Each structure stands twice: as structure tokens, then as C-alpha cells.
Amino acid sequence: MAHRKPHLPEKACAACGRRFAWRKKWARDWGTVRYCSEACRDGRYGAARPAAGKAAKNA
């Protein structure tokens, strides 16, 4: 399914590097938003995702 609002600003997550788009609930503090999810913010996926990306490149 294609994204219906391609004009929204995007950022890369500081933990996993995944791109995520602006959300209305972040309107007041978009400048300080750094993570795509609670899991990345808590550090649950930060170490695992880059390792998975390296494995995929080597395969």
C-alpha cells in the first residue's frame, strides 16, 4: 500500500536508522523527536538492527 501523504517531512531514527514521517502528535516538538518507536528509544532494537543489516549485506 502506497503512503498517501508523501509531502510530510521525514527523519532517520537515531537507533535503527529507519526513516519515519512526521505525525500530528509530534507537531510541537518535531525538532526533538529522535526515535521511530518506544522500542528504539528504550534501546531494545538499537543494537540488533545494525547487526542484521550487516548480515544481509554479506549474504
N, C-alpha and C. Protein backbone atom coordinates (compact mmCIF):
# COMPACT_ATOMS: atom_id res chain seq x y z
N MET A 1 0.84 -1.18 0.00
CA MET A 1 0.00 0.00 0.00
C MET A 1 0.89 1.24 0.00
N ALA A 2 0.63 2.14 -0.90
CA ALA A 2 1.42 3.36 -1.01
C ALA A 2 1.05 4.34 0.09
N HIS A 3 2.04 5.09 0.50
CA HIS A 3 1.81 6.11 1.51
C HIS A 3 1.00 7.24 0.89
N ARG A 4 -0.02 7.70 1.55
CA ARG A 4 -0.93 8.68 0.96
C ARG A 4 -0.50 10.13 1.17
N LYS A 5 0.48 10.37 2.02
CA LYS A 5 0.91 11.74 2.29
C LYS A 5 2.42 11.87 2.08
N PRO A 6 2.87 11.84 0.84
CA PRO A 6 4.31 11.86 0.58
C PRO A 6 4.97 13.21 0.87
N HIS A 7 4.21 14.24 1.14
CA HIS A 7 4.76 15.57 1.35
C HIS A 7 5.19 15.82 2.80
N LEU A 8 4.98 14.87 3.70
CA LEU A 8 5.33 15.05 5.10
C LEU A 8 6.84 14.94 5.29
N PRO A 9 7.41 15.74 6.22
CA PRO A 9 8.86 15.63 6.46
C PRO A 9 9.22 14.29 7.09
N GLU A 10 10.43 13.85 6.84
CA GLU A 10 10.91 12.57 7.37
C GLU A 10 12.23 12.77 8.09
N LYS A 11 12.54 11.81 8.97
CA LYS A 11 13.82 11.76 9.68
C LYS A 11 14.28 10.32 9.72
N ALA A 12 15.55 10.14 10.05
CA ALA A 12 16.08 8.79 10.27
C ALA A 12 16.16 8.56 11.78
N CYS A 13 15.76 7.39 12.21
CA CYS A 13 15.79 7.03 13.63
C CYS A 13 17.25 6.97 14.10
N ALA A 14 17.51 7.53 15.29
CA ALA A 14 18.87 7.56 15.83
C ALA A 14 19.35 6.17 16.25
N ALA A 15 18.43 5.25 16.51
CA ALA A 15 18.82 3.91 16.97
C ALA A 15 18.95 2.92 15.82
N CYS A 16 17.94 2.85 14.96
CA CYS A 16 17.94 1.81 13.92
C CYS A 16 18.18 2.35 12.51
N GLY A 17 18.05 3.66 12.31
CA GLY A 17 18.30 4.25 11.01
C GLY A 17 17.10 4.22 10.07
N ARG A 18 16.00 3.62 10.48
CA ARG A 18 14.81 3.54 9.64
C ARG A 18 14.21 4.94 9.47
N ARG A 19 13.68 5.23 8.29
CA ARG A 19 13.04 6.52 8.02
C ARG A 19 11.63 6.51 8.60
N PHE A 20 11.24 7.62 9.24
CA PHE A 20 9.87 7.75 9.75
C PHE A 20 9.38 9.15 9.47
N ALA A 21 8.07 9.28 9.27
CA ALA A 21 7.46 10.53 8.86
C ALA A 21 6.85 11.27 10.04
N TRP A 22 6.67 12.56 9.84
CA TRP A 22 6.04 13.45 10.80
C TRP A 22 4.65 12.95 11.16
N ARG A 23 4.29 13.09 12.45
CA ARG A 23 2.95 12.75 12.91
C ARG A 23 2.38 13.94 13.65
N LYS A 24 1.08 14.08 13.61
CA LYS A 24 0.44 15.24 14.23
C LYS A 24 0.76 15.35 15.71
N LYS A 25 0.88 14.24 16.42
CA LYS A 25 1.17 14.29 17.84
C LYS A 25 2.58 14.83 18.13
N TRP A 26 3.45 14.87 17.11
CA TRP A 26 4.79 15.41 17.27
C TRP A 26 4.89 16.86 16.79
N ALA A 27 3.77 17.50 16.48
CA ALA A 27 3.77 18.83 15.88
C ALA A 27 4.54 19.85 16.73
N ARG A 28 4.35 19.83 18.05
CA ARG A 28 5.00 20.82 18.91
C ARG A 28 6.48 20.57 19.11
N ASP A 29 6.91 19.33 19.03
CA ASP A 29 8.31 19.04 19.33
C ASP A 29 9.01 18.19 18.26
N TRP A 30 8.67 18.39 17.00
CA TRP A 30 9.27 17.63 15.90
C TRP A 30 10.80 17.78 15.90
N GLY A 31 11.28 18.94 16.30
CA GLY A 31 12.72 19.17 16.32
C GLY A 31 13.47 18.30 17.31
N THR A 32 12.80 17.81 18.33
CA THR A 32 13.47 16.99 19.35
C THR A 32 13.20 15.50 19.20
N VAL A 33 12.30 15.11 18.29
CA VAL A 33 11.99 13.69 18.08
C VAL A 33 13.19 13.02 17.43
N ARG A 34 13.68 11.92 18.02
CA ARG A 34 14.86 11.24 17.50
C ARG A 34 14.63 9.79 17.13
N TYR A 35 13.60 9.17 17.69
CA TYR A 35 13.40 7.73 17.53
C TYR A 35 12.07 7.41 16.86
N CYS A 36 12.02 6.32 16.12
CA CYS A 36 10.82 5.93 15.39
C CYS A 36 9.81 5.22 16.27
N SER A 37 10.25 4.67 17.41
CA SER A 37 9.35 3.91 18.26
C SER A 37 9.82 3.92 19.71
N GLU A 38 8.96 3.48 20.59
CA GLU A 38 9.30 3.34 22.00
C GLU A 38 10.42 2.31 22.17
N ALA A 39 10.38 1.26 21.38
CA ALA A 39 11.39 0.21 21.48
C ALA A 39 12.78 0.76 21.16
N CYS A 40 12.89 1.58 20.13
CA CYS A 40 14.18 2.17 19.79
C CYS A 40 14.61 3.16 20.87
N ARG A 41 13.68 3.90 21.38
CA ARG A 41 14.01 4.87 22.43
C ARG A 41 14.51 4.17 23.69
N ASP A 42 13.93 3.02 24.01
CA ASP A 42 14.34 2.26 25.18
C ASP A 42 15.63 1.47 24.96
N GLY A 43 16.08 1.36 23.71
CA GLY A 43 17.31 0.65 23.41
C GLY A 43 17.13 -0.82 23.13
N ARG A 44 15.89 -1.27 22.97
CA ARG A 44 15.65 -2.69 22.72
C ARG A 44 16.11 -3.13 21.35
N TYR A 45 16.05 -2.26 20.34
CA TYR A 45 16.39 -2.65 18.98
C TYR A 45 17.63 -1.97 18.43
N GLY A 46 18.15 -1.01 19.11
CA GLY A 46 19.29 -0.26 18.61
C GLY A 46 20.49 -1.11 18.26
N ALA A 47 20.82 -2.08 19.09
CA ALA A 47 22.00 -2.92 18.84
C ALA A 47 21.70 -4.04 17.85
N ALA A 48 20.46 -4.49 17.77
CA ALA A 48 20.14 -5.64 16.93
C ALA A 48 20.01 -5.28 15.46
N ARG A 49 19.43 -4.16 15.13
CA ARG A 49 19.15 -3.83 13.73
C ARG A 49 20.42 -3.61 12.90
N PRO A 50 21.41 -2.85 13.36
CA PRO A 50 22.61 -2.71 12.53
C PRO A 50 23.30 -4.05 12.26
N ALA A 51 23.31 -4.95 13.22
CA ALA A 51 23.91 -6.26 13.03
C ALA A 51 23.14 -7.05 11.97
N ALA A 52 21.82 -6.94 11.97
CA ALA A 52 21.01 -7.64 10.98
C ALA A 52 21.28 -7.07 9.59
N GLY A 53 21.47 -5.77 9.50
CA GLY A 53 21.77 -5.15 8.21
C GLY A 53 23.10 -5.59 7.65
N LYS A 54 24.11 -5.76 8.50
CA LYS A 54 25.42 -6.22 8.06
C LYS A 54 25.34 -7.66 7.56
N ALA A 55 24.55 -8.50 8.23
CA ALA A 55 24.41 -9.89 7.82
C ALA A 55 23.75 -9.97 6.44
N ALA A 56 22.77 -9.11 6.21
CA ALA A 56 22.07 -9.13 4.92
C ALA A 56 23.01 -8.69 3.79
N LYS A 57 23.90 -7.76 4.06
CA LYS A 57 24.83 -7.27 3.03
C LYS A 57 25.86 -8.35 2.68
N ASN A 58 26.26 -9.15 3.66
CA ASN A 58 27.27 -10.18 3.44
C ASN A 58 26.71 -11.42 2.75
N ALA A 59 25.41 -11.60 2.75
CA ALA A 59 24.79 -12.80 2.20
C ALA A 59 24.73 -12.78 0.69
